[in-house]
Amino acid sequence: MNEHKIVVFTGNDGHAIRQGIAAIERALPGLRWLLVIHARRKSAPELLHNQWANLKKNGWRWIPYQAADLWRRMRARAAPEQGALASPGQLDVLTVADLHADATLSAVQAFAPTLGLALDAPILRRPLFALPTLGTLNLHKGKVPDYRGMPPAFWELWNDEPSVGCTIHWVDDKLDTGNVVLAATLEREAYATVRGMQLRLDAAGIQLMCDAVRQVLAGAPPSLAQAGAGATYRKPSLAQMAELDARLLRSQRPAGHAMHRALKDGAAAGASMLSRLGLSRALAPRLTVLLYHRVSDGARDNLTVGIAQFDRQMALLRKHCTVLSLEQALRLESVPASPRPLVCVTFDDGYLDNYTNAVPILLKHQLPGAFFVATGFIGTGRAFPHDVRRGNQAIPMMTWQQLRAMRDEGFLIGSHTVNHIDCAAEPEDVVRHELARSRDDLRHELGLESVVLGYPYGGRRHMTPERLELVRQAGYVACLSAYGGSNIGAVDPFNLRRRGIHWEYSDRAFLFACLGWR
């Protein structure tokens, strides 16, 4: 039994906080936890003063911004975030209006914490952060001392920095000035956005804090004093936010001609409206299986979606669709009638960004996913033929350890052959070998019993009836294509059709694709 006690100070209990606690608990099972949530209610005079100050600072932009924020808050109350993902069993929650009130200090002192963690917390004062025996660690999503303060990633991108930092440091009496325990650097990608970088920092911060807690509880690791005076940043104005958005947008490739995009979005919006009015009920039930390859801000091509874009898409799925796991879909003989579009999420190839970028977002939105990997590329520096043809250098791949972690989170891992072959073009003996070895790789490395194939390239011409018979003979339980369309009326497990998604899909076009009308 682990006898250490950890107190977490935070201003919210959102996904990143809960997932961070769960990650530490998996690494160090049996910890005792106290989650102290600061939920201060401001008085009417304070609210009016803040509104006036923000109106003077931001001008007319504050009015639509505040209206949109109020609308988001109302919707959040109507549909609160789902419960914790694998919360530890020994977790007490204390919600307080004042972190530094006598009652709060007494409750924390009575808990007798070994270590404190400041996760998205307001500024802590010494009477509180000094209560844990070892002190309190802060997760700061920025490089210190150069980028103290907030918000994450914004000022680094504003200053055109080539990277963004993430730091674990001890809390002391000043803002983000304590000795550094661990730090990481995230390289800025070619099409980075503020939101995309923040999502990467969320995932990196969870792992970094997990590592820091493990090291501190194992025996205080050396910490380094911050060098130099540094700089402290505050929340940008809305004008600065708009300016940075415009600067970053100019660096992006346009997603086709503006008029063409507008027409497509208009058609998609009209189709979505008709669906909400009931037109979908007049059509045969259908299941749409979405196909992704990469989630990255390092490229904009027909195999890639942006990080913030993927986050928006998964939020749209959660809000507007019924998302099935692939296992649920394959158990269907016929597609049931549904008031909401039925959708599955799948990935092909096995790129590392699936693990670093896509999986945290799927977990955040509590959505299932299936990942089809070319087993001969896992844990190697090999480049796919399609990447070589594009002139790309080898793109990092996932490892078996990462795939095991994904399996343990409930994601399905399937076969994409060993060497990403064209099953229709290769000789029969090669296809037999590829199917058998990939199946055995997955069984050996991941302990799988039933294995699903997503055949490479995915076109009609890349699979024949004869080759599909080889798939059955090799013991696969299903076979997925990638030549578009939806599965209408019935589900054929050996020809489950998938629809590719890439960066040129606007949010409206994405929702239209989920309807499966074409």
Protein backbone atom coordinates (compact mmCIF):
# COMPACT_ATOMS: atom_id res chain seq x y z
CA MET A 1 0.00 0.00 0.00
CA ASN A 2 1.36 3.41 -1.02
CA GLU A 3 1.18 5.65 2.06
CA HIS A 4 1.90 8.94 0.35
CA LYS A 5 -0.81 11.59 0.28
CA ILE A 6 -1.13 14.17 -2.50
CA VAL A 7 -3.17 17.35 -2.41
CA VAL A 8 -4.08 18.96 -5.74
CA PHE A 9 -4.88 22.68 -5.89
CA THR A 10 -6.83 23.69 -8.97
CA GLY A 11 -9.33 26.14 -10.37
CA ASN A 12 -11.30 23.42 -12.19
CA ASP A 13 -11.78 19.66 -12.37
CA GLY A 14 -11.68 19.42 -16.17
CA HIS A 15 -10.27 16.67 -18.35
CA ALA A 16 -6.60 17.61 -18.13
CA ILE A 17 -6.76 17.71 -14.31
CA ARG A 18 -8.62 14.41 -13.97
CA GLN A 19 -6.51 12.67 -16.59
CA GLY A 20 -3.36 13.93 -14.89
CA ILE A 21 -4.47 12.47 -11.56
CA ALA A 22 -5.38 9.18 -13.25
CA ALA A 23 -1.96 8.99 -14.96
CA ILE A 24 -0.13 9.45 -11.65
CA GLU A 25 -2.37 6.89 -9.99
CA ARG A 26 -1.61 4.33 -12.71
CA ALA A 27 2.13 4.92 -12.22
CA LEU A 28 1.92 4.93 -8.40
CA PRO A 29 -1.19 2.99 -7.37
CA GLY A 30 -2.59 3.36 -3.88
CA LEU A 31 -1.95 7.07 -3.28
CA ARG A 32 -4.36 9.06 -1.11
CA TRP A 33 -5.72 12.17 -2.84
CA LEU A 34 -7.34 15.42 -1.81
CA LEU A 35 -8.59 17.57 -4.70
CA VAL A 36 -9.11 21.19 -3.60
CA ILE A 37 -11.14 23.12 -6.19
CA HIS A 38 -11.19 26.90 -6.01
CA ALA A 39 -14.70 28.06 -7.01
CA ARG A 40 -14.95 31.64 -5.87
CA ARG A 41 -18.19 33.46 -6.61
CA LYS A 42 -17.67 37.11 -7.39
CA SER A 43 -19.98 39.77 -6.01
CA ALA A 44 -22.11 41.91 -8.32
CA PRO A 45 -19.87 45.00 -7.83
CA GLU A 46 -16.79 42.91 -8.69
CA LEU A 47 -18.47 41.55 -11.83
CA LEU A 48 -19.47 45.03 -12.96
CA HIS A 49 -15.98 46.38 -12.30
CA ASN A 50 -14.42 43.53 -14.30
CA GLN A 51 -16.82 44.04 -17.18
CA TRP A 52 -16.03 47.75 -17.33
CA ALA A 53 -12.28 47.13 -17.14
CA ASN A 54 -12.46 44.58 -19.95
CA LEU A 55 -14.62 46.86 -22.07
CA LYS A 56 -12.04 49.66 -21.72
CA LYS A 57 -9.19 47.26 -22.51
CA ASN A 58 -10.79 45.44 -25.45
CA GLY A 59 -13.27 47.93 -26.89
CA TRP A 60 -16.18 46.71 -28.99
CA ARG A 61 -14.68 43.24 -29.33
CA TRP A 62 -15.54 42.53 -25.69
CA ILE A 63 -19.31 42.56 -26.30
CA PRO A 64 -19.54 39.68 -28.84
CA TYR A 65 -16.74 37.84 -27.02
CA GLN A 66 -18.60 38.02 -23.71
CA ALA A 67 -21.90 37.02 -25.34
CA ALA A 68 -20.25 33.95 -26.90
CA ASP A 69 -18.59 33.08 -23.59
CA LEU A 70 -21.91 33.35 -21.75
CA TRP A 71 -23.53 31.09 -24.34
CA ARG A 72 -20.74 28.49 -23.92
CA ARG A 73 -21.12 28.58 -20.14
CA MET A 74 -24.90 28.07 -20.37
CA ARG A 75 -24.45 25.11 -22.69
CA ALA A 76 -21.76 23.66 -20.42
CA ARG A 77 -24.17 23.77 -17.48
CA ALA A 78 -26.87 22.09 -19.59
CA ALA A 79 -24.47 19.33 -20.71
CA PRO A 80 -21.71 19.05 -18.10
CA GLU A 81 -18.46 17.28 -18.84
CA GLN A 82 -18.59 13.54 -18.27
CA GLY A 83 -17.21 11.95 -15.11
CA ALA A 84 -13.61 11.24 -14.35
CA LEU A 85 -11.63 8.87 -16.52
CA ALA A 86 -10.38 6.12 -14.24
CA SER A 87 -10.41 8.18 -11.03
CA PRO A 88 -8.44 6.72 -8.15
CA GLY A 89 -10.50 5.09 -5.43
CA GLN A 90 -9.07 7.13 -2.54
CA LEU A 91 -9.98 10.60 -3.75
CA ASP A 92 -11.65 13.25 -1.61
CA VAL A 93 -12.92 16.46 -3.17
CA LEU A 94 -13.12 19.80 -1.38
CA THR A 95 -14.70 22.73 -3.21
CA VAL A 96 -13.94 26.10 -1.60
CA ALA A 97 -14.67 29.75 -2.23
CA ASP A 98 -11.28 30.80 -0.81
CA LEU A 99 -8.16 28.67 -1.06
CA HIS A 100 -6.53 30.58 1.78
CA ALA A 101 -9.44 30.68 4.22
CA ASP A 102 -8.79 29.26 7.67
CA ALA A 103 -11.21 26.38 7.02
CA THR A 104 -9.34 25.41 3.83
CA LEU A 105 -5.95 25.58 5.52
CA SER A 106 -7.25 23.46 8.40
CA ALA A 107 -8.69 20.84 6.03
CA VAL A 108 -5.43 20.56 4.09
CA GLN A 109 -3.40 20.42 7.30
CA ALA A 110 -5.63 17.67 8.67
CA PHE A 111 -5.10 15.66 5.47
CA ALA A 112 -1.33 15.83 6.15
CA PRO A 113 -0.20 15.71 2.51
CA THR A 114 3.22 14.47 1.51
CA LEU A 115 3.22 16.53 -1.70
CA GLY A 116 1.16 19.30 -3.25
CA LEU A 117 0.41 19.80 -6.95
CA ALA A 118 -0.73 23.11 -8.45
CA LEU A 119 -2.63 22.29 -11.65
CA ASP A 120 -4.25 25.27 -13.35
CA ALA A 121 -4.50 26.87 -9.92
CA PRO A 122 -4.73 30.53 -8.93
CA ILE A 123 -1.69 32.06 -7.24
CA LEU A 124 -0.94 30.19 -4.02
CA ARG A 125 0.38 31.86 -0.87
CA ARG A 126 2.95 30.36 1.48
CA PRO A 127 0.54 29.36 4.30
CA LEU A 128 -1.06 26.97 1.79
CA PHE A 129 1.70 25.78 -0.55
CA ALA A 130 4.08 25.08 2.36
CA LEU A 131 1.68 22.69 4.13
CA PRO A 132 2.73 19.54 2.21
CA THR A 133 5.81 17.93 3.76
CA LEU A 134 7.86 18.04 0.56
CA GLY A 135 6.36 21.26 -0.81
CA THR A 136 4.15 21.96 -3.83
CA LEU A 137 4.96 21.38 -7.51
CA ASN A 138 3.49 23.61 -10.18
CA LEU A 139 2.79 22.60 -13.77
CA HIS A 140 3.63 25.65 -15.88
CA LYS A 141 2.90 25.35 -19.59
CA GLY A 142 5.72 27.63 -20.66
CA LYS A 143 9.49 27.92 -20.56
CA VAL A 144 10.90 29.62 -17.48
CA PRO A 145 12.19 32.20 -16.82
CA ASP A 146 11.47 33.56 -20.31
CA TYR A 147 7.73 32.92 -20.37
CA ARG A 148 6.26 33.13 -16.90
CA GLY A 149 2.59 33.91 -16.53
CA MET A 150 -0.08 33.04 -19.08
CA PRO A 151 -1.74 31.98 -21.35
CA PRO A 152 0.02 28.83 -22.60
CA ALA A 153 1.68 29.06 -26.05
CA PHE A 154 0.24 32.47 -26.96
CA TRP A 155 3.22 34.72 -26.32
CA GLU A 156 5.71 32.21 -27.71
CA LEU A 157 3.81 32.21 -31.02
CA TRP A 158 3.37 35.99 -30.80
CA ASN A 159 7.14 36.34 -30.52
CA ASP A 160 7.67 33.80 -33.31
CA GLU A 161 9.60 31.39 -31.11
CA PRO A 162 10.67 28.07 -32.69
CA SER A 163 9.50 26.08 -29.66
CA VAL A 164 7.27 26.16 -26.58
CA GLY A 165 8.30 24.96 -23.13
CA CYS A 166 6.58 22.97 -20.40
CA THR A 167 7.99 23.12 -16.86
CA ILE A 168 7.52 21.50 -13.46
CA HIS A 169 8.88 23.77 -10.71
CA TRP A 170 8.51 24.18 -6.97
CA VAL A 171 6.03 26.84 -5.90
CA ASP A 172 7.55 29.77 -4.04
CA ASP A 173 6.48 33.28 -3.07
CA LYS A 174 6.62 34.79 -6.57
CA LEU A 175 4.91 33.82 -9.83
CA ASP A 176 6.60 30.89 -11.62
CA THR A 177 10.03 31.59 -10.08
CA GLY A 178 10.67 28.36 -8.13
CA ASN A 179 13.44 25.87 -8.79
CA VAL A 180 12.88 23.66 -11.84
CA VAL A 181 12.43 19.90 -11.34
CA LEU A 182 11.71 18.84 -14.93
CA ALA A 183 11.24 20.61 -18.26
CA ALA A 184 10.35 19.67 -21.82
CA THR A 185 10.38 21.48 -25.14
CA LEU A 186 7.79 21.13 -27.90
CA GLU A 187 9.01 22.17 -31.32
CA ARG A 188 6.75 24.54 -33.19
CA GLU A 189 5.36 22.88 -36.30
CA ALA A 190 4.85 24.61 -39.64
CA TYR A 191 1.11 25.13 -39.22
CA ALA A 192 0.98 25.53 -35.45
CA THR A 193 -2.00 27.29 -33.87
CA VAL A 194 -2.41 28.52 -30.31
CA ARG A 195 -5.11 25.96 -29.59
CA GLY A 196 -3.14 23.15 -31.22
CA MET A 197 -0.07 23.98 -29.14
CA GLN A 198 -2.19 24.14 -25.98
CA LEU A 199 -3.55 20.67 -26.66
CA ARG A 200 -0.01 19.36 -27.14
CA LEU A 201 1.00 21.07 -23.87
CA ASP A 202 -1.93 19.43 -22.06
CA ALA A 203 -0.69 15.97 -23.05
CA ALA A 204 2.97 16.81 -22.41
CA GLY A 205 2.14 18.33 -19.03
CA ILE A 206 0.32 15.21 -17.86
CA GLN A 207 3.34 13.04 -18.63
CA LEU A 208 5.83 15.55 -17.23
CA MET A 209 4.00 15.90 -13.92
CA CYS A 210 3.66 12.12 -13.67
CA ASP A 211 7.42 11.76 -14.09
CA ALA A 212 8.13 14.54 -11.59
CA VAL A 213 5.88 13.06 -8.91
CA ARG A 214 7.47 9.65 -9.36
CA GLN A 215 10.95 11.15 -8.98
CA VAL A 216 10.09 13.37 -6.01
CA LEU A 217 8.40 10.57 -4.06
CA ALA A 218 11.33 8.26 -4.80
CA GLY A 219 13.74 10.76 -3.21
CA ALA A 220 13.97 14.48 -3.91
CA PRO A 221 15.59 14.92 -7.35
CA PRO A 222 18.02 17.76 -7.92
CA SER A 223 16.30 20.99 -8.91
CA LEU A 224 17.83 23.93 -10.71
CA ALA A 225 17.43 27.60 -9.89
CA GLN A 226 16.09 29.65 -12.77
CA ALA A 227 18.78 31.65 -14.52
CA GLY A 228 18.24 35.28 -15.47
CA ALA A 229 15.56 37.83 -14.73
CA GLY A 230 13.09 36.41 -17.26
CA ALA A 231 9.77 37.93 -18.25
CA THR A 232 6.19 37.63 -17.00
CA TYR A 233 3.24 37.81 -19.39
CA ARG A 234 -0.42 38.47 -18.77
CA LYS A 235 -3.61 37.72 -20.66
CA PRO A 236 -3.55 39.31 -24.14
CA SER A 237 -6.19 41.72 -25.33
CA LEU A 238 -8.80 40.55 -27.81
CA ALA A 239 -7.14 42.75 -30.44
CA GLN A 240 -3.84 40.93 -29.87
CA MET A 241 -5.61 37.58 -30.08
CA ALA A 242 -7.22 38.59 -33.37
CA GLU A 243 -3.90 39.86 -34.73
CA LEU A 244 -2.10 36.60 -33.92
CA ASP A 245 -4.91 34.55 -35.44
CA ALA A 246 -4.61 36.60 -38.62
CA ARG A 247 -0.83 36.17 -38.71
CA LEU A 248 -1.06 32.43 -38.27
CA LEU A 249 -3.85 32.17 -40.84
CA ARG A 250 -1.69 33.88 -43.46
CA SER A 251 0.90 31.11 -43.01
CA GLN A 252 -1.66 28.39 -43.78
CA ARG A 253 -2.35 26.90 -47.16
CA PRO A 254 -5.86 27.96 -48.28
CA ALA A 255 -8.30 25.04 -48.30
CA GLY A 256 -9.32 25.58 -51.93
CA HIS A 257 -10.91 28.60 -53.58
CA ALA A 258 -12.91 30.80 -51.20
CA MET A 259 -16.04 30.72 -53.37
CA HIS A 260 -15.84 26.94 -53.66
CA ARG A 261 -15.45 26.62 -49.90
CA ALA A 262 -18.43 28.90 -49.29
CA LEU A 263 -20.64 26.89 -51.67
CA LYS A 264 -19.62 23.60 -50.06
CA ASP A 265 -20.23 24.98 -46.57
CA GLY A 266 -23.60 26.35 -47.61
CA ALA A 267 -24.66 23.01 -49.04
CA ALA A 268 -23.41 21.20 -45.95
CA ALA A 269 -25.26 23.59 -43.64
CA GLY A 270 -28.46 23.09 -45.64
CA ALA A 271 -28.10 19.32 -45.50
CA SER A 272 -27.53 19.42 -41.74
CA MET A 273 -30.65 21.54 -41.31
CA LEU A 274 -32.70 19.07 -43.36
CA SER A 275 -31.33 16.23 -41.26
CA ARG A 276 -32.36 17.97 -38.03
CA LEU A 277 -35.82 18.53 -39.51
CA GLY A 278 -36.20 14.79 -40.00
CA LEU A 279 -35.08 14.04 -43.56
CA SER A 280 -32.64 11.40 -42.30
CA ARG A 281 -35.57 9.38 -40.97
CA ALA A 282 -36.89 9.07 -44.52
CA LEU A 283 -33.60 7.56 -45.71
CA ALA A 284 -32.26 4.06 -45.11
CA PRO A 285 -30.27 3.83 -41.84
CA ARG A 286 -26.56 4.18 -42.39
CA LEU A 287 -23.25 3.91 -40.57
CA THR A 288 -20.37 6.22 -41.48
CA VAL A 289 -16.87 5.03 -40.62
CA LEU A 290 -14.39 7.91 -40.64
CA LEU A 291 -10.79 7.28 -41.69
CA TYR A 292 -7.87 9.37 -40.46
CA HIS A 293 -4.14 8.93 -40.94
CA ARG A 294 -2.36 11.77 -39.14
CA VAL A 295 -3.26 14.45 -36.57
CA SER A 296 -0.48 17.00 -36.86
CA ASP A 297 0.28 20.66 -37.46
CA GLY A 298 3.43 19.67 -39.33
CA ALA A 299 1.67 19.11 -42.66
CA ARG A 300 -1.42 20.07 -44.61
CA ASP A 301 -2.17 17.28 -47.07
CA ASN A 302 -4.85 14.70 -47.83
CA LEU A 303 -3.62 12.38 -45.05
CA THR A 304 -3.53 14.99 -42.28
CA VAL A 305 -5.88 17.01 -40.09
CA GLY A 306 -4.74 19.76 -37.74
CA ILE A 307 -4.62 19.21 -33.97
CA ALA A 308 -7.17 21.88 -33.06
CA GLN A 309 -9.24 20.81 -36.07
CA PHE A 310 -9.37 17.22 -34.81
CA ASP A 311 -10.37 18.46 -31.35
CA ARG A 312 -13.25 20.43 -32.88
CA GLN A 313 -14.30 17.45 -34.96
CA MET A 314 -14.40 15.13 -31.96
CA ALA A 315 -16.42 17.73 -30.02
CA LEU A 316 -18.87 17.85 -32.95
CA LEU A 317 -19.14 14.06 -32.96
CA ARG A 318 -19.84 14.04 -29.25
CA LYS A 319 -22.51 16.71 -29.61
CA HIS A 320 -24.28 15.72 -32.82
CA CYS A 321 -23.60 12.00 -33.46
CA THR A 322 -23.78 8.60 -31.83
CA VAL A 323 -20.24 7.27 -31.89
CA LEU A 324 -19.88 3.49 -31.90
CA SER A 325 -16.77 1.49 -31.23
CA LEU A 326 -15.71 -0.63 -34.17
CA GLU A 327 -16.52 -3.73 -32.13
CA GLN A 328 -20.09 -2.46 -31.68
CA ALA A 329 -20.38 -1.71 -35.39
CA LEU A 330 -19.14 -5.15 -36.44
CA ARG A 331 -21.72 -6.83 -34.20
CA LEU A 332 -24.51 -5.18 -36.18
CA GLU A 333 -26.16 -7.22 -38.90
CA SER A 334 -28.28 -4.30 -39.99
CA VAL A 335 -27.86 -0.61 -39.26
CA PRO A 336 -30.48 0.46 -36.70
CA ALA A 337 -32.59 3.55 -37.15
CA SER A 338 -31.14 6.42 -35.15
CA PRO A 339 -32.15 10.05 -34.59
CA ARG A 340 -28.45 10.96 -34.77
CA PRO A 341 -25.85 9.91 -37.35
CA LEU A 342 -24.04 6.67 -36.44
CA VAL A 343 -20.28 7.10 -36.73
CA CYS A 344 -17.04 5.20 -36.04
CA VAL A 345 -13.53 6.70 -35.85
CA THR A 346 -10.57 4.81 -37.34
CA PHE A 347 -6.90 5.47 -38.15
CA ASP A 348 -4.50 3.82 -40.59
CA ASP A 349 -0.72 3.31 -40.76
CA GLY A 350 0.53 3.78 -37.17
CA TYR A 351 2.07 7.27 -37.10
CA LEU A 352 3.37 8.50 -33.74
CA ASP A 353 1.08 11.54 -33.77
CA ASN A 354 -1.85 9.13 -33.40
CA TYR A 355 -0.54 8.40 -29.90
CA THR A 356 0.72 11.87 -28.96
CA ASN A 357 -2.08 13.97 -30.46
CA ALA A 358 -5.15 11.89 -31.40
CA VAL A 359 -5.40 9.57 -28.39
CA PRO A 360 -5.41 12.38 -25.75
CA ILE A 361 -8.18 14.14 -27.68
CA LEU A 362 -10.25 10.96 -28.02
CA LEU A 363 -9.84 10.38 -24.27
CA LYS A 364 -10.79 13.98 -23.56
CA HIS A 365 -14.08 13.55 -25.44
CA GLN A 366 -14.47 9.92 -24.24
CA LEU A 367 -14.78 8.55 -27.75
CA PRO A 368 -13.74 5.09 -28.98
CA GLY A 369 -11.33 4.61 -31.86
CA ALA A 370 -9.64 1.88 -33.90
CA PHE A 371 -6.05 2.01 -35.15
CA PHE A 372 -4.77 -0.16 -38.02
CA VAL A 373 -0.99 -0.46 -38.00
CA ALA A 374 1.54 -1.82 -40.47
CA THR A 375 3.42 -4.02 -37.99
CA GLY A 376 6.72 -3.97 -39.89
CA PHE A 377 6.94 -0.21 -39.37
CA ILE A 378 6.14 -0.14 -35.64
CA GLY A 379 9.11 1.06 -33.60
CA THR A 380 11.27 1.62 -36.69
CA GLY A 381 12.53 4.57 -38.71
CA ARG A 382 11.13 3.23 -41.98
CA ALA A 383 9.20 5.47 -44.37
CA PHE A 384 5.99 4.41 -46.07
CA PRO A 385 6.08 4.22 -49.88
CA HIS A 386 3.37 6.88 -50.11
CA ASP A 387 5.48 9.23 -47.95
CA VAL A 388 8.55 8.58 -50.10
CA ARG A 389 6.56 9.44 -53.22
CA ARG A 390 5.51 12.72 -51.60
CA GLY A 391 9.15 13.56 -50.87
CA ASN A 392 8.59 13.32 -47.11
CA GLN A 393 11.32 12.18 -44.78
CA ALA A 394 10.52 9.21 -42.53
CA ILE A 395 7.69 10.22 -40.16
CA PRO A 396 8.01 8.84 -36.61
CA MET A 397 5.97 5.72 -35.88
CA MET A 398 4.40 4.39 -32.72
CA THR A 399 6.07 1.73 -30.61
CA TRP A 400 4.64 -1.53 -29.30
CA GLN A 401 4.71 -0.10 -25.78
CA GLN A 402 2.54 2.81 -26.89
CA LEU A 403 0.15 0.44 -28.67
CA ARG A 404 -0.14 -1.61 -25.48
CA ALA A 405 -1.01 1.56 -23.58
CA MET A 406 -3.69 2.35 -26.18
CA ARG A 407 -5.07 -1.18 -25.94
CA ASP A 408 -5.26 -0.77 -22.16
CA GLU A 409 -7.26 2.46 -22.65
CA GLY A 410 -9.83 0.46 -24.64
CA PHE A 411 -8.82 1.32 -28.21
CA LEU A 412 -8.94 -1.39 -30.87
CA ILE A 413 -5.65 -2.16 -32.61
CA GLY A 414 -5.86 -3.92 -35.97
CA SER A 415 -3.73 -5.02 -38.89
CA HIS A 416 -2.65 -2.93 -41.88
CA THR A 417 -0.43 -5.82 -43.10
CA VAL A 418 3.30 -5.90 -42.30
CA ASN A 419 4.79 -3.79 -45.08
CA HIS A 420 1.77 -1.80 -46.27
CA ILE A 421 1.37 -3.92 -49.41
CA ASP A 422 -1.15 -3.72 -52.23
CA CYS A 423 -3.00 -6.97 -51.58
CA ALA A 424 -4.39 -7.17 -55.12
CA ALA A 425 -1.04 -6.56 -56.86
CA GLU A 426 1.29 -8.79 -54.84
CA PRO A 427 1.70 -12.55 -55.48
CA GLU A 428 -0.52 -14.87 -53.48
CA ASP A 429 2.33 -16.25 -51.35
CA VAL A 430 3.41 -12.72 -50.38
CA VAL A 431 -0.14 -11.79 -49.38
CA ARG A 432 -0.53 -14.96 -47.32
CA HIS A 433 2.73 -14.24 -45.51
CA GLU A 434 1.84 -10.59 -44.84
CA LEU A 435 -1.58 -11.48 -43.45
CA ALA A 436 -0.26 -14.27 -41.23
CA ARG A 437 2.75 -12.38 -39.89
CA SER A 438 0.84 -9.18 -39.12
CA ARG A 439 -1.86 -11.20 -37.36
CA ASP A 440 0.77 -13.05 -35.33
CA ASP A 441 2.63 -9.82 -34.51
CA LEU A 442 -0.55 -8.36 -33.01
CA ARG A 443 -1.36 -11.52 -31.11
CA HIS A 444 2.15 -11.81 -29.72
CA GLU A 445 2.74 -8.15 -28.85
CA LEU A 446 -0.76 -7.18 -27.73
CA GLY A 447 -2.38 -10.48 -26.76
CA LEU A 448 -5.19 -10.05 -29.28
CA GLU A 449 -7.51 -12.92 -30.14
CA SER A 450 -9.78 -11.46 -32.80
CA VAL A 451 -7.92 -9.37 -35.38
CA VAL A 452 -9.46 -6.95 -37.88
CA LEU A 453 -7.77 -5.94 -41.15
CA GLY A 454 -7.84 -2.48 -42.68
CA TYR A 455 -6.26 -3.22 -46.04
CA PRO A 456 -3.63 -0.76 -47.31
CA TYR A 457 -4.54 1.84 -49.95
CA GLY A 458 -8.17 0.82 -49.44
CA GLY A 459 -9.43 1.26 -53.01
CA ARG A 460 -11.71 -1.13 -54.86
CA ARG A 461 -8.78 -2.14 -57.07
CA HIS A 462 -6.59 -2.95 -54.06
CA MET A 463 -8.68 -5.96 -52.91
CA THR A 464 -10.12 -8.79 -55.03
CA PRO A 465 -12.55 -11.59 -54.12
CA GLU A 466 -9.64 -14.04 -54.22
CA ARG A 467 -7.52 -11.95 -51.85
CA LEU A 468 -10.50 -11.40 -49.56
CA GLU A 469 -10.82 -15.17 -49.29
CA LEU A 470 -7.19 -15.24 -48.11
CA VAL A 471 -8.14 -12.71 -45.42
CA ARG A 472 -10.88 -15.04 -44.20
CA GLN A 473 -8.58 -18.07 -44.30
CA ALA A 474 -6.00 -16.20 -42.19
CA GLY A 475 -8.57 -15.91 -39.42
CA TYR A 476 -9.39 -12.20 -39.61
CA VAL A 477 -12.85 -11.36 -38.30
CA ALA A 478 -13.44 -8.32 -40.53
CA CYS A 479 -11.93 -6.30 -43.38
CA LEU A 480 -12.24 -2.53 -43.87
CA SER A 481 -11.90 -0.64 -47.14
CA ALA A 482 -11.24 3.07 -47.72
CA TYR A 483 -12.92 4.01 -50.99
CA GLY A 484 -15.58 6.23 -49.50
CA GLY A 485 -19.28 6.02 -48.94
CA SER A 486 -21.29 4.82 -45.98
CA ASN A 487 -22.67 1.46 -44.92
CA ILE A 488 -26.35 1.66 -45.80
CA GLY A 489 -28.93 -0.74 -44.40
CA ALA A 490 -26.60 -3.63 -43.63
CA VAL A 491 -23.12 -4.06 -42.20
CA ASP A 492 -20.84 -6.35 -44.20
CA PRO A 493 -17.92 -7.13 -41.86
CA PHE A 494 -15.71 -8.04 -44.82
CA ASN A 495 -16.43 -4.85 -46.72
CA LEU A 496 -16.92 -2.14 -44.13
CA ARG A 497 -16.65 1.07 -46.11
CA ARG A 498 -14.75 4.08 -44.76
CA ARG A 499 -14.67 7.75 -45.66
CA GLY A 500 -11.34 9.64 -45.53
CA ILE A 501 -11.08 12.93 -43.59
CA HIS A 502 -8.33 15.51 -44.11
CA TRP A 503 -7.46 19.13 -43.37
CA GLU A 504 -9.64 20.68 -46.10
CA TYR A 505 -12.85 19.67 -44.30
CA SER A 506 -14.50 22.65 -42.67
CA ASP A 507 -16.58 21.92 -39.58
CA ARG A 508 -19.79 22.07 -41.64
CA ALA A 509 -18.37 19.81 -44.33
CA PHE A 510 -17.23 17.37 -41.64
CA LEU A 511 -20.72 17.14 -40.14
CA PHE A 512 -22.16 16.64 -43.61
CA ALA A 513 -19.72 13.74 -44.17
CA CYS A 514 -20.96 12.20 -40.91
CA LEU A 515 -24.52 12.15 -42.26
CA GLY A 516 -23.38 9.62 -44.88
CA TRP A 517 -25.65 10.98 -47.58
CA ARG A 518 -23.11 10.37 -50.32
